Amino acid sequence: MRAKAEKKRGPPTIVVRQAPGKRSRALVQCGPITIPAAIGRSGRTARKREGDGATPIAAMSVLSGFVRGDRVRALPTALPMRRIRSDMLWCDEPGHPSYNRLVKAPFKPSHEEMKRADGLYDVCLVLDWNISSRRRNRGSAIFFHLIRPGFEPTAGCVAVELRDMRRLMKVIQKGTVVKVIG
C-alpha cells in the first residue's frame, strides 16, 4: 500500500470584505473564522493615497509584527514579533527617504508612535502596502492592529478586537496574505 502524499499548505489567506450597511466596517474571514472589524473611515479604495482615510483594495502579505509586551502576554504565533519600545516611530512623511519605514526617536518629520497610549498597536502586524516597492504619497502605515471601542473607523488599516487577534495569530505567519476585496 502506498502512503498518500500530503499536500504542503502555504500560509493562510485572510479575506477582508466590507460589512453591509457601513463603509468603515468589515468582516474578516480566515478559514472557518469570521470576525467583525473596522477599516478606513473612507471605506476601501483601489487608488490609495496618503491621508485619504481609505483601506487599500489589495492582497498584502504580512511581513512582521510588533507587540507591547508590557500589555499583551502569551501570544502564540509563528510570525516574527518585535517588542515595541518607546523610541519606535513609523515615518509617514512622503518626501522623506524613510517614508513608510520604522524609524527611531528623536525624529522630526511626520510620524506615528508605535508605543501608543490608546493600545491600538499593542498587537500590530505590518502589511506589505507600499513597503517592498515604495512610491511617494501612495500611503503609509497600513497595519492590521487592534480596534478602538465601538468599532471606530481607522485611518486605512484593518482593526479587530484583542480576543479575535489572538485567535488569528495562531495561524498567521510571515507570508500570510490579507486580501481586502472590492
C-alpha atoms as a PDB file:
ATOM      1  CA  MET A   1       0.000   0.000   0.000  1.00  0.00           C
ATOM      2  CA  ARG A   2       1.249   3.436  -0.916  1.00  0.00           C
ATOM      3  CA  ALA A   3       1.133   6.249   1.577  1.00  0.00           C
ATOM      4  CA  LYS A   4      -0.731   9.262   0.330  1.00  0.00           C
ATOM      5  CA  ALA A   5       1.434  12.274  -0.307  1.00  0.00           C
ATOM      6  CA  GLU A   6       0.406  15.075   1.970  1.00  0.00           C
ATOM      7  CA  LYS A   7      -0.249  18.438   0.403  1.00  0.00           C
ATOM      8  CA  LYS A   8       2.061  21.094   1.703  1.00  0.00           C
ATOM      9  CA  ARG A   9      -0.024  24.034   2.826  1.00  0.00           C
ATOM     10  CA  GLY A  10       1.199  27.558   2.441  1.00  0.00           C
ATOM     11  CA  PRO A  11       0.358  30.446   4.700  1.00  0.00           C
ATOM     12  CA  PRO A  12      -3.375  31.124   5.106  1.00  0.00           C
ATOM     13  CA  THR A  13      -5.235  33.930   3.366  1.00  0.00           C
ATOM     14  CA  ILE A  14      -7.294  36.357   5.428  1.00  0.00           C
ATOM     15  CA  VAL A  15     -10.132  37.886   3.417  1.00  0.00           C
ATOM     16  CA  VAL A  16     -11.479  41.319   4.380  1.00  0.00           C
ATOM     17  CA  ARG A  17     -14.810  42.339   2.853  1.00  0.00           C
ATOM     18  CA  GLN A  18     -16.983  45.332   3.581  1.00  0.00           C
ATOM     19  CA  ALA A  19     -19.815  44.639   6.013  1.00  0.00           C
ATOM     20  CA  PRO A  20     -23.312  45.557   4.909  1.00  0.00           C
ATOM     21  CA  GLY A  21     -24.563  48.975   5.909  1.00  0.00           C
ATOM     22  CA  LYS A  22     -21.416  50.932   6.784  1.00  0.00           C
ATOM     23  CA  ARG A  23     -18.374  51.535   4.628  1.00  0.00           C
ATOM     24  CA  SER A  24     -15.960  51.633   7.579  1.00  0.00           C
ATOM     25  CA  ARG A  25     -16.992  48.198   8.902  1.00  0.00           C
ATOM     26  CA  ALA A  26     -15.762  44.876   7.590  1.00  0.00           C
ATOM     27  CA  LEU A  27     -15.892  41.133   8.057  1.00  0.00           C
ATOM     28  CA  VAL A  28     -12.579  39.312   8.336  1.00  0.00           C
ATOM     29  CA  GLN A  29     -12.534  35.643   7.367  1.00  0.00           C
ATOM     30  CA  CYS A  30      -9.763  33.125   7.867  1.00  0.00           C
ATOM     31  CA  GLY A  31     -10.874  29.566   7.199  1.00  0.00           C
ATOM     32  CA  PRO A  32     -13.947  28.900   9.337  1.00  0.00           C
ATOM     33  CA  ILE A  33     -13.368  32.009  11.484  1.00  0.00           C
ATOM     34  CA  THR A  34     -15.381  35.150  10.638  1.00  0.00           C
ATOM     35  CA  ILE A  35     -14.992  38.206  12.838  1.00  0.00           C
ATOM     36  CA  PRO A  36     -16.123  41.846  12.719  1.00  0.00           C
ATOM     37  CA  ALA A  37     -13.566  44.555  12.020  1.00  0.00           C
ATOM     38  CA  ALA A  38     -13.116  48.235  11.338  1.00  0.00           C
ATOM     39  CA  ILE A  39     -11.483  49.584   8.200  1.00  0.00           C
ATOM     40  CA  GLY A  40     -10.730  53.082   6.929  1.00  0.00           C
ATOM     41  CA  ARG A  41     -13.131  55.943   7.611  1.00  0.00           C
ATOM     42  CA  SER A  42     -13.418  56.400   3.823  1.00  0.00           C
ATOM     43  CA  GLY A  43     -14.058  52.700   3.183  1.00  0.00           C
ATOM     44  CA  ARG A  44     -11.922  50.902   0.605  1.00  0.00           C
ATOM     45  CA  THR A  45     -10.136  52.158  -2.482  1.00  0.00           C
ATOM     46  CA  ALA A  46      -8.161  50.837  -5.425  1.00  0.00           C
ATOM     47  CA  ARG A  47      -6.318  54.207  -5.614  1.00  0.00           C
ATOM     48  CA  LYS A  48      -4.801  54.610  -2.165  1.00  0.00           C
ATOM     49  CA  ARG A  49      -3.234  57.997  -1.358  1.00  0.00           C
ATOM     50  CA  GLU A  50      -1.509  59.265   1.786  1.00  0.00           C
ATOM     51  CA  GLY A  51      -4.065  60.658   4.236  1.00  0.00           C
ATOM     52  CA  ASP A  52      -7.207  59.627   2.317  1.00  0.00           C
ATOM     53  CA  GLY A  53      -8.524  57.502   5.202  1.00  0.00           C
ATOM     54  CA  ALA A  54      -9.203  54.524   2.928  1.00  0.00           C
ATOM     55  CA  THR A  55      -8.123  50.893   3.198  1.00  0.00           C
ATOM     56  CA  PRO A  56      -6.383  49.720   0.009  1.00  0.00           C
ATOM     57  CA  ILE A  57      -8.110  47.063  -2.068  1.00  0.00           C
ATOM     58  CA  ALA A  58      -5.174  44.698  -2.436  1.00  0.00           C
ATOM     59  CA  ALA A  59      -3.611  41.403  -1.452  1.00  0.00           C
ATOM     60  CA  MET A  60      -0.938  42.328   1.124  1.00  0.00           C
ATOM     61  CA  SER A  61       1.494  39.890   2.709  1.00  0.00           C
ATOM     62  CA  VAL A  62       2.056  40.041   6.443  1.00  0.00           C
ATOM     63  CA  LEU A  63       5.735  40.963   6.795  1.00  0.00           C
ATOM     64  CA  SER A  64       6.237  41.080  10.565  1.00  0.00           C
ATOM     65  CA  GLY A  65       4.628  42.260  13.751  1.00  0.00           C
ATOM     66  CA  PHE A  66       5.012  44.327  16.893  1.00  0.00           C
ATOM     67  CA  VAL A  67       3.717  43.629  20.380  1.00  0.00           C
ATOM     68  CA  ARG A  68       3.517  45.643  23.589  1.00  0.00           C
ATOM     69  CA  GLY A  69       4.997  43.005  25.851  1.00  0.00           C
ATOM     70  CA  ASP A  70       4.069  45.022  28.927  1.00  0.00           C
ATOM     71  CA  ARG A  71       0.365  44.767  27.952  1.00  0.00           C
ATOM     72  CA  VAL A  72      -0.044  41.609  25.860  1.00  0.00           C
ATOM     73  CA  ARG A  73       1.462  38.338  27.007  1.00  0.00           C
ATOM     74  CA  ALA A  74       1.414  34.782  25.694  1.00  0.00           C
ATOM     75  CA  LEU A  75       0.762  35.478  22.037  1.00  0.00           C
ATOM     76  CA  PRO A  76       1.387  32.139  20.306  1.00  0.00           C
ATOM     77  CA  THR A  77       2.383  32.750  16.693  1.00  0.00           C
ATOM     78  CA  ALA A  78       4.889  31.690  14.060  1.00  0.00           C
ATOM     79  CA  LEU A  79       5.163  35.321  12.916  1.00  0.00           C
ATOM     80  CA  PRO A  80       8.330  37.206  13.851  1.00  0.00           C
ATOM     81  CA  MET A  81       7.245  39.742  16.503  1.00  0.00           C
ATOM     82  CA  ARG A  82       9.297  42.634  17.886  1.00  0.00           C
ATOM     83  CA  ARG A  83       8.665  44.089  21.295  1.00  0.00           C
ATOM     84  CA  ILE A  84       7.662  47.757  20.976  1.00  0.00           C
ATOM     85  CA  ARG A  85       9.987  50.284  22.579  1.00  0.00           C
ATOM     86  CA  SER A  86       9.242  53.917  23.311  1.00  0.00           C
ATOM     87  CA  ASP A  87      11.742  55.122  20.687  1.00  0.00           C
ATOM     88  CA  MET A  88       9.985  53.286  17.817  1.00  0.00           C
ATOM     89  CA  LEU A  89       8.222  55.514  15.302  1.00  0.00           C
ATOM     90  CA  TRP A  90       6.820  54.983  11.791  1.00  0.00           C
ATOM     91  CA  CYS A  91       7.618  57.665   9.199  1.00  0.00           C
ATOM     92  CA  ASP A  92       4.562  58.924   7.276  1.00  0.00           C
ATOM     93  CA  GLU A  93       6.246  61.908   5.597  1.00  0.00           C
ATOM     94  CA  PRO A  94       6.056  61.202   1.823  1.00  0.00           C
ATOM     95  CA  GLY A  95       9.085  63.331   0.955  1.00  0.00           C
ATOM     96  CA  HIS A  96      11.416  61.725   3.484  1.00  0.00           C
ATOM     97  CA  PRO A  97      13.828  58.907   2.492  1.00  0.00           C
ATOM     98  CA  SER A  98      12.453  56.801   5.400  1.00  0.00           C
ATOM     99  CA  TYR A  99       8.830  57.152   4.217  1.00  0.00           C
ATOM    100  CA  ASN A 100       6.755  54.162   5.310  1.00  0.00           C
ATOM    101  CA  ARG A 101       9.558  52.721   7.412  1.00  0.00           C
ATOM    102  CA  LEU A 102      10.273  52.148  11.074  1.00  0.00           C
ATOM    103  CA  VAL A 103      12.449  54.968  12.419  1.00  0.00           C
ATOM    104  CA  LYS A 104      13.955  55.792  15.780  1.00  0.00           C
ATOM    105  CA  ALA A 105      13.225  58.778  18.018  1.00  0.00           C
ATOM    106  CA  PRO A 106      14.120  61.560  18.028  1.00  0.00           C
ATOM    107  CA  PHE A 107      12.695  62.079  14.522  1.00  0.00           C
ATOM    108  CA  LYS A 108      11.312  65.448  13.437  1.00  0.00           C
ATOM    109  CA  PRO A 109       9.452  64.628  10.173  1.00  0.00           C
ATOM    110  CA  SER A 110       5.825  63.448  10.382  1.00  0.00           C
ATOM    111  CA  HIS A 111       5.499  60.050  12.065  1.00  0.00           C
ATOM    112  CA  GLU A 112       3.330  57.764  14.195  1.00  0.00           C
ATOM    113  CA  GLU A 113       4.358  56.484  17.603  1.00  0.00           C
ATOM    114  CA  MET A 114       4.369  52.712  17.796  1.00  0.00           C
ATOM    115  CA  LYS A 115       4.064  52.656  21.602  1.00  0.00           C
ATOM    116  CA  ARG A 116       0.621  54.248  21.721  1.00  0.00           C
ATOM    117  CA  ALA A 117      -1.240  55.150  24.881  1.00  0.00           C
ATOM    118  CA  ASP A 118      -4.580  54.059  23.346  1.00  0.00           C
ATOM    119  CA  GLY A 119      -3.443  50.435  22.841  1.00  0.00           C
ATOM    120  CA  LEU A 120      -4.201  50.219  19.118  1.00  0.00           C
ATOM    121  CA  TYR A 121      -0.733  48.901  18.356  1.00  0.00           C
ATOM    122  CA  ASP A 122      -0.458  46.567  21.356  1.00  0.00           C
ATOM    123  CA  VAL A 123      -0.533  43.915  18.611  1.00  0.00           C
ATOM    124  CA  CYS A 124       0.329  45.416  15.240  1.00  0.00           C
ATOM    125  CA  LEU A 125       1.050  43.477  12.049  1.00  0.00           C
ATOM    126  CA  VAL A 126       2.912  45.169   9.213  1.00  0.00           C
ATOM    127  CA  LEU A 127       1.202  44.628   5.848  1.00  0.00           C
ATOM    128  CA  ASP A 128       3.163  44.907   2.617  1.00  0.00           C
ATOM    129  CA  TRP A 129       1.439  48.011   1.336  1.00  0.00           C
ATOM    130  CA  ASN A 130       3.893  50.399  -0.300  1.00  0.00           C
ATOM    131  CA  ILE A 131       6.829  48.808   1.521  1.00  0.00           C
ATOM    132  CA  SER A 132       8.541  46.332  -0.843  1.00  0.00           C
ATOM    133  CA  SER A 133       8.057  48.792  -3.671  1.00  0.00           C
ATOM    134  CA  ARG A 134       7.617  52.298  -2.209  1.00  0.00           C
ATOM    135  CA  ARG A 135       6.153  55.250  -4.024  1.00  0.00           C
ATOM    136  CA  ARG A 136       5.743  58.721  -2.591  1.00  0.00           C
ATOM    137  CA  ASN A 137       2.184  59.574  -1.398  1.00  0.00           C
ATOM    138  CA  ARG A 138       0.861  56.048  -2.018  1.00  0.00           C
ATOM    139  CA  GLY A 139       0.047  55.528   1.672  1.00  0.00           C
ATOM    140  CA  SER A 140       1.934  54.508   4.768  1.00  0.00           C
ATOM    141  CA  ALA A 141       1.478  52.583   7.998  1.00  0.00           C
ATOM    142  CA  ILE A 142      -1.159  50.190   6.656  1.00  0.00           C
ATOM    143  CA  PHE A 143      -1.331  47.764   9.547  1.00  0.00           C
ATOM    144  CA  PHE A 144      -3.560  45.005  10.927  1.00  0.00           C
ATOM    145  CA  HIS A 145      -3.996  46.121  14.537  1.00  0.00           C
ATOM    146  CA  LEU A 146      -6.350  46.330  17.496  1.00  0.00           C
ATOM    147  CA  ILE A 147      -9.627  48.214  17.407  1.00  0.00           C
ATOM    148  CA  ARG A 148     -10.971  51.268  19.196  1.00  0.00           C
ATOM    149  CA  PRO A 149     -14.088  50.801  21.332  1.00  0.00           C
ATOM    150  CA  GLY A 150     -17.304  50.950  19.309  1.00  0.00           C
ATOM    151  CA  PHE A 151     -15.592  49.807  16.095  1.00  0.00           C
ATOM    152  CA  GLU A 152     -14.472  53.343  15.269  1.00  0.00           C
ATOM    153  CA  PRO A 153     -13.007  53.601  11.755  1.00  0.00           C
ATOM    154  CA  THR A 154      -9.270  53.503  11.157  1.00  0.00           C
ATOM    155  CA  ALA A 155      -7.099  55.791   9.038  1.00  0.00           C
ATOM    156  CA  GLY A 156      -6.781  52.975   6.449  1.00  0.00           C
ATOM    157  CA  CYS A 157      -5.802  49.908   8.467  1.00  0.00           C
ATOM    158  CA  VAL A 158      -7.761  46.778   9.383  1.00  0.00           C
ATOM    159  CA  ALA A 159      -8.567  46.528  13.105  1.00  0.00           C
ATOM    160  CA  VAL A 160     -10.050  43.767  15.277  1.00  0.00           C
ATOM    161  CA  GLU A 161     -10.619  43.117  18.970  1.00  0.00           C
ATOM    162  CA  LEU A 162      -7.776  41.598  21.010  1.00  0.00           C
ATOM    163  CA  ARG A 163      -9.581  38.303  21.600  1.00  0.00           C
ATOM    164  CA  ASP A 164     -10.078  37.916  17.822  1.00  0.00           C
ATOM    165  CA  MET A 165      -6.474  38.897  17.079  1.00  0.00           C
ATOM    166  CA  ARG A 166      -5.356  36.151  19.491  1.00  0.00           C
ATOM    167  CA  ARG A 167      -7.425  33.618  17.520  1.00  0.00           C
ATOM    168  CA  LEU A 168      -5.934  34.755  14.223  1.00  0.00           C
ATOM    169  CA  MET A 169      -2.347  34.889  15.493  1.00  0.00           C
ATOM    170  CA  LYS A 170      -2.405  31.114  15.945  1.00  0.00           C
ATOM    171  CA  VAL A 171      -2.446  30.696  12.141  1.00  0.00           C
ATOM    172  CA  ILE A 172      -0.740  33.879  10.925  1.00  0.00           C
ATOM    173  CA  GLN A 173       2.835  33.535   9.748  1.00  0.00           C
ATOM    174  CA  LYS A 174       5.199  35.503   7.551  1.00  0.00           C
ATOM    175  CA  GLY A 175       3.661  35.481   4.076  1.00  0.00           C
ATOM    176  CA  THR A 176       0.064  35.174   5.240  1.00  0.00           C
ATOM    177  CA  VAL A 177      -1.940  37.299   2.816  1.00  0.00           C
ATOM    178  CA  VAL A 178      -4.518  39.835   3.959  1.00  0.00           C
ATOM    179  CA  LYS A 179      -6.751  40.303   0.925  1.00  0.00           C
ATOM    180  CA  VAL A 180      -9.043  43.336   1.013  1.00  0.00           C
ATOM    181  CA  ILE A 181     -11.646  42.802  -1.694  1.00  0.00           C
ATOM    182  CA  GLY A 182     -13.669  45.392  -3.580  1.00  0.00           C
END
